[in-house]
Amino acid sequence: MRLDLQDLAFGYAHREVGRDVTFSLSGGEVLCLLGPNGGGKTTLFKTVLRLLAPHGGRILVDGESITGWSRARLARAFAYVPQAQLGVFPFTVADTVLMGRTAHLGAFATPSRGDRAIALEMLSVLGISHLAARPYTEISGGERQLTLIARALAQEPAILVMDEPTASLDFGNQIRVLSEIEQLAHRGIAVMLSTHDPDHAFLCAHRVALLHHGRLARLGSPEQVITRESLREVYGIEVSVRDATRADGRVVRVCIPTLGTIDPRSDAER
């Protein structure tokens, strides 16, 4: 399944946040959105998910506009993973993941044995089967994030939208979540995520969209987009982008900021 944004303008009722955003996303691809706070990433996600009406342009799935799609059809194509939430009600992890199956149920239907089997399979895929009977409110932040990913996968979507999936996670859980994102792409799912750490894009993204003031500042491979010049332009800081060798021998790029070089006049700091 392919997602296309064509000259998309987006925002709220009386305020435009961004415009002229054009890019595509295909199955098996990870697209990472980078940009400063307030740059329009979350608003763009809400517009793609039809939580906000676009101000202009088009959103297409396999060449068809999603404007007239029902909520049920949208839920079968898209799944959304928000930042890990503490939760209020002590649903078990298994029941939380099972909620993802509501996209395939009628108004008064209850989950079938098959729905429960899919939910348990997603727990297994993400390596958290041992948490099935635990209350969602009593597990760690990293475990909650993996639970939300499992819930989204239980929808069996073609396109997965993830809003800062590594936010507030410790280093180990950040890497676990990034590893799962890489595996999702291997299974043919189109993944679009946002992050504030450009190193994460180097680790798991095929392409990067650098969003600044609601417009695409750059779009391309991580190596093309994440450069010393682009990070200075968007964030107002000096960064060295260098090659590093991982433990498995693969060479990846990393960003090394120089402390004390923040430009107080930069757009990122206004």
Protein backbone atom coordinates (compact mmCIF):
# COMPACT_ATOMS: atom_id res chain seq x y z
CA MET A 1 0.00 0.00 0.00
CA ARG A 2 1.28 3.47 -0.89
CA LEU A 3 0.55 6.77 0.84
CA ASP A 4 0.90 10.02 -1.11
CA LEU A 5 0.69 13.56 0.25
CA GLN A 6 0.27 16.11 -2.53
CA ASP A 7 0.76 19.83 -1.77
CA LEU A 8 -0.79 19.27 1.65
CA ALA A 9 -1.74 22.32 3.73
CA PHE A 10 -2.70 21.62 7.32
CA GLY A 11 -3.56 23.27 10.61
CA TYR A 12 -6.49 24.17 12.83
CA ALA A 13 -9.74 26.01 12.24
CA HIS A 14 -8.32 29.53 12.23
CA ARG A 15 -4.59 28.87 11.98
CA GLU A 16 -2.54 27.27 9.26
CA VAL A 17 0.45 25.32 10.56
CA GLY A 18 2.04 24.06 7.37
CA ARG A 19 1.69 23.88 3.60
CA ASP A 20 3.19 22.59 0.37
CA VAL A 21 4.11 19.22 1.90
CA THR A 22 4.56 16.53 -0.74
CA PHE A 23 6.02 13.08 -0.22
CA SER A 24 5.18 9.40 -0.62
CA LEU A 25 5.53 6.35 1.60
CA SER A 26 5.48 2.74 0.36
CA GLY A 27 5.10 -0.60 2.10
CA GLY A 28 8.31 -1.77 3.72
CA GLU A 29 9.66 1.77 4.05
CA VAL A 30 10.39 3.83 7.18
CA LEU A 31 10.02 7.60 6.83
CA CYS A 32 11.26 9.70 9.76
CA LEU A 33 9.99 13.23 10.42
CA LEU A 34 12.51 15.51 12.10
CA GLY A 35 12.08 19.12 13.14
CA PRO A 36 11.94 21.52 16.09
CA ASN A 37 9.11 21.70 18.58
CA GLY A 38 6.17 23.51 17.04
CA GLY A 39 7.31 22.69 13.52
CA GLY A 40 4.07 20.91 12.60
CA LYS A 41 4.93 17.20 12.93
CA THR A 42 2.03 16.19 15.19
CA THR A 43 -0.44 18.38 13.27
CA LEU A 44 0.68 16.72 10.04
CA PHE A 45 0.12 13.28 11.58
CA LYS A 46 -3.37 14.26 12.76
CA THR A 47 -4.22 15.44 9.26
CA VAL A 48 -2.97 12.23 7.64
CA LEU A 49 -5.10 10.26 10.12
CA ARG A 50 -8.13 12.46 9.29
CA LEU A 51 -8.36 13.73 12.86
CA LEU A 52 -8.01 17.19 11.30
CA ALA A 53 -9.34 18.27 7.93
CA PRO A 54 -6.65 19.37 5.48
CA HIS A 55 -6.57 23.05 4.51
CA GLY A 56 -5.59 22.09 0.98
CA GLY A 57 -3.93 19.44 -1.12
CA ARG A 58 -4.69 15.73 -1.18
CA ILE A 59 -4.01 12.56 0.80
CA LEU A 60 -4.08 9.44 -1.35
CA VAL A 61 -3.82 5.75 -0.56
CA ASP A 62 -3.03 3.64 -3.60
CA GLY A 63 -4.07 6.59 -5.76
CA GLU A 64 -7.48 7.07 -4.08
CA SER A 65 -8.34 10.12 -1.98
CA ILE A 66 -9.20 9.23 1.62
CA THR A 67 -11.54 12.24 1.97
CA GLY A 68 -14.72 10.18 1.83
CA TRP A 69 -13.46 7.14 3.70
CA SER A 70 -15.40 5.88 6.70
CA ARG A 71 -13.73 5.63 10.10
CA ALA A 72 -13.82 1.84 9.83
CA ARG A 73 -12.01 1.89 6.48
CA LEU A 74 -9.42 4.34 7.78
CA ALA A 75 -8.81 2.11 10.81
CA ARG A 76 -8.17 -0.87 8.57
CA ALA A 77 -5.56 1.06 6.58
CA PHE A 78 -3.92 3.20 9.28
CA ALA A 79 -2.85 2.51 12.84
CA TYR A 80 -1.57 5.11 15.27
CA VAL A 81 0.94 4.70 18.07
CA PRO A 82 0.94 7.70 20.42
CA GLN A 83 3.62 8.40 22.98
CA ALA A 84 3.47 5.89 25.84
CA GLN A 85 0.64 6.78 28.18
CA LEU A 86 0.23 5.79 31.81
CA GLY A 87 -3.42 4.88 31.38
CA VAL A 88 -6.28 5.27 33.84
CA PHE A 89 -8.07 1.92 33.90
CA PRO A 90 -6.12 -1.22 34.85
CA PHE A 91 -6.87 -3.23 31.71
CA THR A 92 -4.52 -6.14 31.26
CA VAL A 93 -1.88 -5.89 28.57
CA ALA A 94 -3.68 -8.62 26.59
CA ASP A 95 -6.99 -6.71 26.71
CA THR A 96 -5.26 -3.46 25.74
CA VAL A 97 -3.81 -5.14 22.64
CA LEU A 98 -7.16 -6.78 21.89
CA MET A 99 -8.67 -3.28 21.59
CA GLY A 100 -6.84 -3.00 18.29
CA ARG A 101 -9.27 -5.52 16.82
CA THR A 102 -12.20 -3.11 17.13
CA ALA A 103 -11.34 -1.86 13.63
CA HIS A 104 -12.62 -5.20 12.33
CA LEU A 105 -15.72 -5.53 14.55
CA GLY A 106 -19.27 -4.33 14.06
CA ALA A 107 -20.94 -1.83 16.38
CA PHE A 108 -22.21 -4.41 18.87
CA ALA A 109 -19.87 -7.32 18.14
CA THR A 110 -17.51 -8.85 20.67
CA PRO A 111 -14.01 -10.14 19.92
CA SER A 112 -13.93 -13.66 18.55
CA ARG A 113 -11.52 -16.46 19.32
CA GLY A 114 -9.67 -15.47 16.17
CA ASP A 115 -9.39 -11.85 17.34
CA ARG A 116 -7.93 -13.01 20.65
CA ALA A 117 -5.47 -15.26 18.82
CA ILE A 118 -4.26 -12.29 16.74
CA ALA A 119 -3.79 -10.17 19.88
CA LEU A 120 -1.75 -12.93 21.54
CA GLU A 121 0.29 -13.34 18.37
CA MET A 122 1.19 -9.65 18.41
CA LEU A 123 2.32 -9.95 22.02
CA SER A 124 4.56 -12.82 20.93
CA VAL A 125 5.91 -10.91 17.92
CA LEU A 126 7.02 -8.06 20.20
CA GLY A 127 8.37 -10.38 22.88
CA ILE A 128 5.98 -9.33 25.63
CA SER A 129 3.78 -12.43 26.00
CA HIS A 130 4.91 -12.68 29.61
CA LEU A 131 3.11 -9.39 30.30
CA ALA A 132 -0.29 -10.56 29.02
CA ALA A 133 -1.97 -10.76 32.43
CA ARG A 134 -0.24 -7.70 33.90
CA PRO A 135 -2.22 -4.45 34.33
CA TYR A 136 -1.16 -1.89 31.71
CA THR A 137 -0.89 0.71 34.47
CA GLU A 138 1.77 -1.31 36.32
CA ILE A 139 4.33 -1.98 33.59
CA SER A 140 7.35 0.12 32.62
CA GLY A 141 7.38 2.91 30.05
CA GLY A 142 9.20 0.76 27.50
CA GLU A 143 6.75 -2.10 28.05
CA ARG A 144 3.82 0.30 27.63
CA GLN A 145 5.26 1.54 24.32
CA LEU A 146 5.67 -2.04 23.06
CA THR A 147 2.08 -2.74 24.18
CA LEU A 148 0.80 0.22 22.14
CA ILE A 149 2.74 -1.03 19.11
CA ALA A 150 1.23 -4.50 19.60
CA ARG A 151 -2.24 -2.92 19.79
CA ALA A 152 -1.62 -1.07 16.54
CA LEU A 153 -0.37 -4.26 14.84
CA ALA A 154 -3.49 -6.10 15.98
CA GLN A 155 -5.39 -3.75 13.66
CA GLU A 156 -3.43 -5.37 10.80
CA PRO A 157 -2.76 -1.96 9.20
CA ALA A 158 -0.83 -1.28 6.05
CA ILE A 159 0.41 2.11 7.30
CA LEU A 160 1.67 2.74 10.83
CA VAL A 161 1.98 6.30 12.19
CA MET A 162 4.11 6.69 15.32
CA ASP A 163 4.37 9.95 17.26
CA GLU A 164 7.75 10.08 19.01
CA PRO A 165 7.70 6.37 19.92
CA THR A 166 10.96 6.64 21.89
CA ALA A 167 10.04 9.74 23.93
CA SER A 168 10.69 9.40 27.67
CA LEU A 169 12.18 5.91 27.28
CA ASP A 170 15.52 4.87 28.71
CA PHE A 171 18.36 4.06 26.33
CA GLY A 172 17.75 0.32 26.28
CA ASN A 173 14.03 0.63 25.56
CA GLN A 174 14.68 3.23 22.86
CA ILE A 175 16.84 0.70 21.01
CA ARG A 176 14.27 -2.07 21.50
CA VAL A 177 11.55 0.10 19.97
CA LEU A 178 13.79 1.12 17.04
CA SER A 179 14.60 -2.55 16.44
CA GLU A 180 10.89 -3.35 16.30
CA ILE A 181 10.33 -0.52 13.81
CA GLU A 182 13.01 -2.03 11.57
CA GLN A 183 11.28 -5.42 11.79
CA LEU A 184 7.87 -3.90 10.97
CA ALA A 185 9.30 -2.57 7.73
CA HIS A 186 10.75 -5.99 6.94
CA ARG A 187 7.18 -7.35 7.21
CA GLY A 188 6.00 -4.90 4.54
CA ILE A 189 4.35 -2.27 6.74
CA ALA A 190 4.82 1.40 5.78
CA VAL A 191 6.03 3.24 8.89
CA MET A 192 6.00 7.00 9.44
CA LEU A 193 7.44 8.21 12.75
CA SER A 194 8.62 11.40 14.37
CA THR A 195 11.60 11.81 16.66
CA HIS A 196 13.78 14.53 18.12
CA ASP A 197 16.96 12.48 17.81
CA PRO A 198 18.53 12.47 14.32
CA ASP A 199 20.63 9.44 15.30
CA HIS A 200 17.42 7.42 15.41
CA ALA A 201 16.81 8.24 11.76
CA PHE A 202 20.28 6.97 10.87
CA LEU A 203 19.50 3.71 12.69
CA CYS A 204 16.13 2.77 11.20
CA ALA A 205 14.88 5.17 8.49
CA HIS A 206 15.05 4.80 4.73
CA ARG A 207 14.14 8.45 4.18
CA VAL A 208 13.93 11.59 6.29
CA ALA A 209 11.58 14.56 5.98
CA LEU A 210 12.94 17.62 7.74
CA LEU A 211 9.97 19.80 8.68
CA HIS A 212 10.60 23.44 9.56
CA HIS A 213 7.90 26.07 10.07
CA GLY A 214 5.42 23.60 8.58
CA ARG A 215 7.28 23.18 5.30
CA LEU A 216 9.63 20.54 4.01
CA ALA A 217 13.13 21.94 4.39
CA ARG A 218 14.66 18.74 2.99
CA LEU A 219 13.55 15.28 1.91
CA GLY A 220 15.77 12.33 1.07
CA SER A 221 17.95 9.63 2.57
CA PRO A 222 19.24 10.19 6.11
CA GLU A 223 22.71 10.86 4.71
CA GLN A 224 21.36 13.49 2.32
CA VAL A 225 19.12 15.26 4.82
CA ILE A 226 20.95 15.10 8.16
CA THR A 227 24.00 17.25 7.62
CA ARG A 228 25.94 19.84 9.54
CA GLU A 229 24.41 22.56 7.39
CA SER A 230 20.79 21.42 7.69
CA LEU A 231 20.97 20.99 11.47
CA ARG A 232 22.52 24.43 11.84
CA GLU A 233 19.77 25.92 9.66
CA VAL A 234 16.86 24.26 11.47
CA TYR A 235 18.08 23.97 15.07
CA GLY A 236 20.65 26.78 15.26
CA ILE A 237 23.43 24.53 16.63
CA GLU A 238 26.80 23.28 15.46
CA VAL A 239 26.91 19.51 14.92
CA SER A 240 29.55 17.18 13.53
CA VAL A 241 28.13 14.28 11.50
CA ARG A 242 30.57 11.39 11.46
CA ASP A 243 30.79 7.71 10.60
CA ALA A 244 30.92 5.15 13.40
CA THR A 245 31.27 1.36 13.36
CA ARG A 246 28.69 -0.67 15.25
CA ALA A 247 29.45 -3.85 17.16
CA ASP A 248 28.11 -5.87 14.21
CA GLY A 249 30.55 -4.16 11.84
CA ARG A 250 28.01 -1.96 10.09
CA VAL A 251 29.04 1.65 9.56
CA VAL A 252 26.42 4.25 10.53
CA ARG A 253 26.48 7.99 10.94
CA VAL A 254 26.10 9.78 14.27
CA CYS A 255 25.57 13.40 15.26
CA ILE A 256 27.94 14.97 17.79
CA PRO A 257 26.78 18.43 18.94
CA THR A 258 29.19 21.09 20.13
CA LEU A 259 27.94 22.51 23.42
CA GLY A 260 27.75 26.24 23.80
CA THR A 261 27.14 26.92 20.11
CA ILE A 262 23.39 27.58 20.17
CA ASP A 263 22.53 30.67 18.14
CA PRO A 264 20.09 32.74 20.25
CA ARG A 265 18.79 34.36 17.05
CA SER A 266 17.97 31.06 15.35
CA ASP A 267 14.40 30.21 14.43
CA ALA A 268 14.59 27.11 16.60
CA GLU A 269 15.08 29.23 19.71
CA ARG A 270 12.49 31.95 19.07
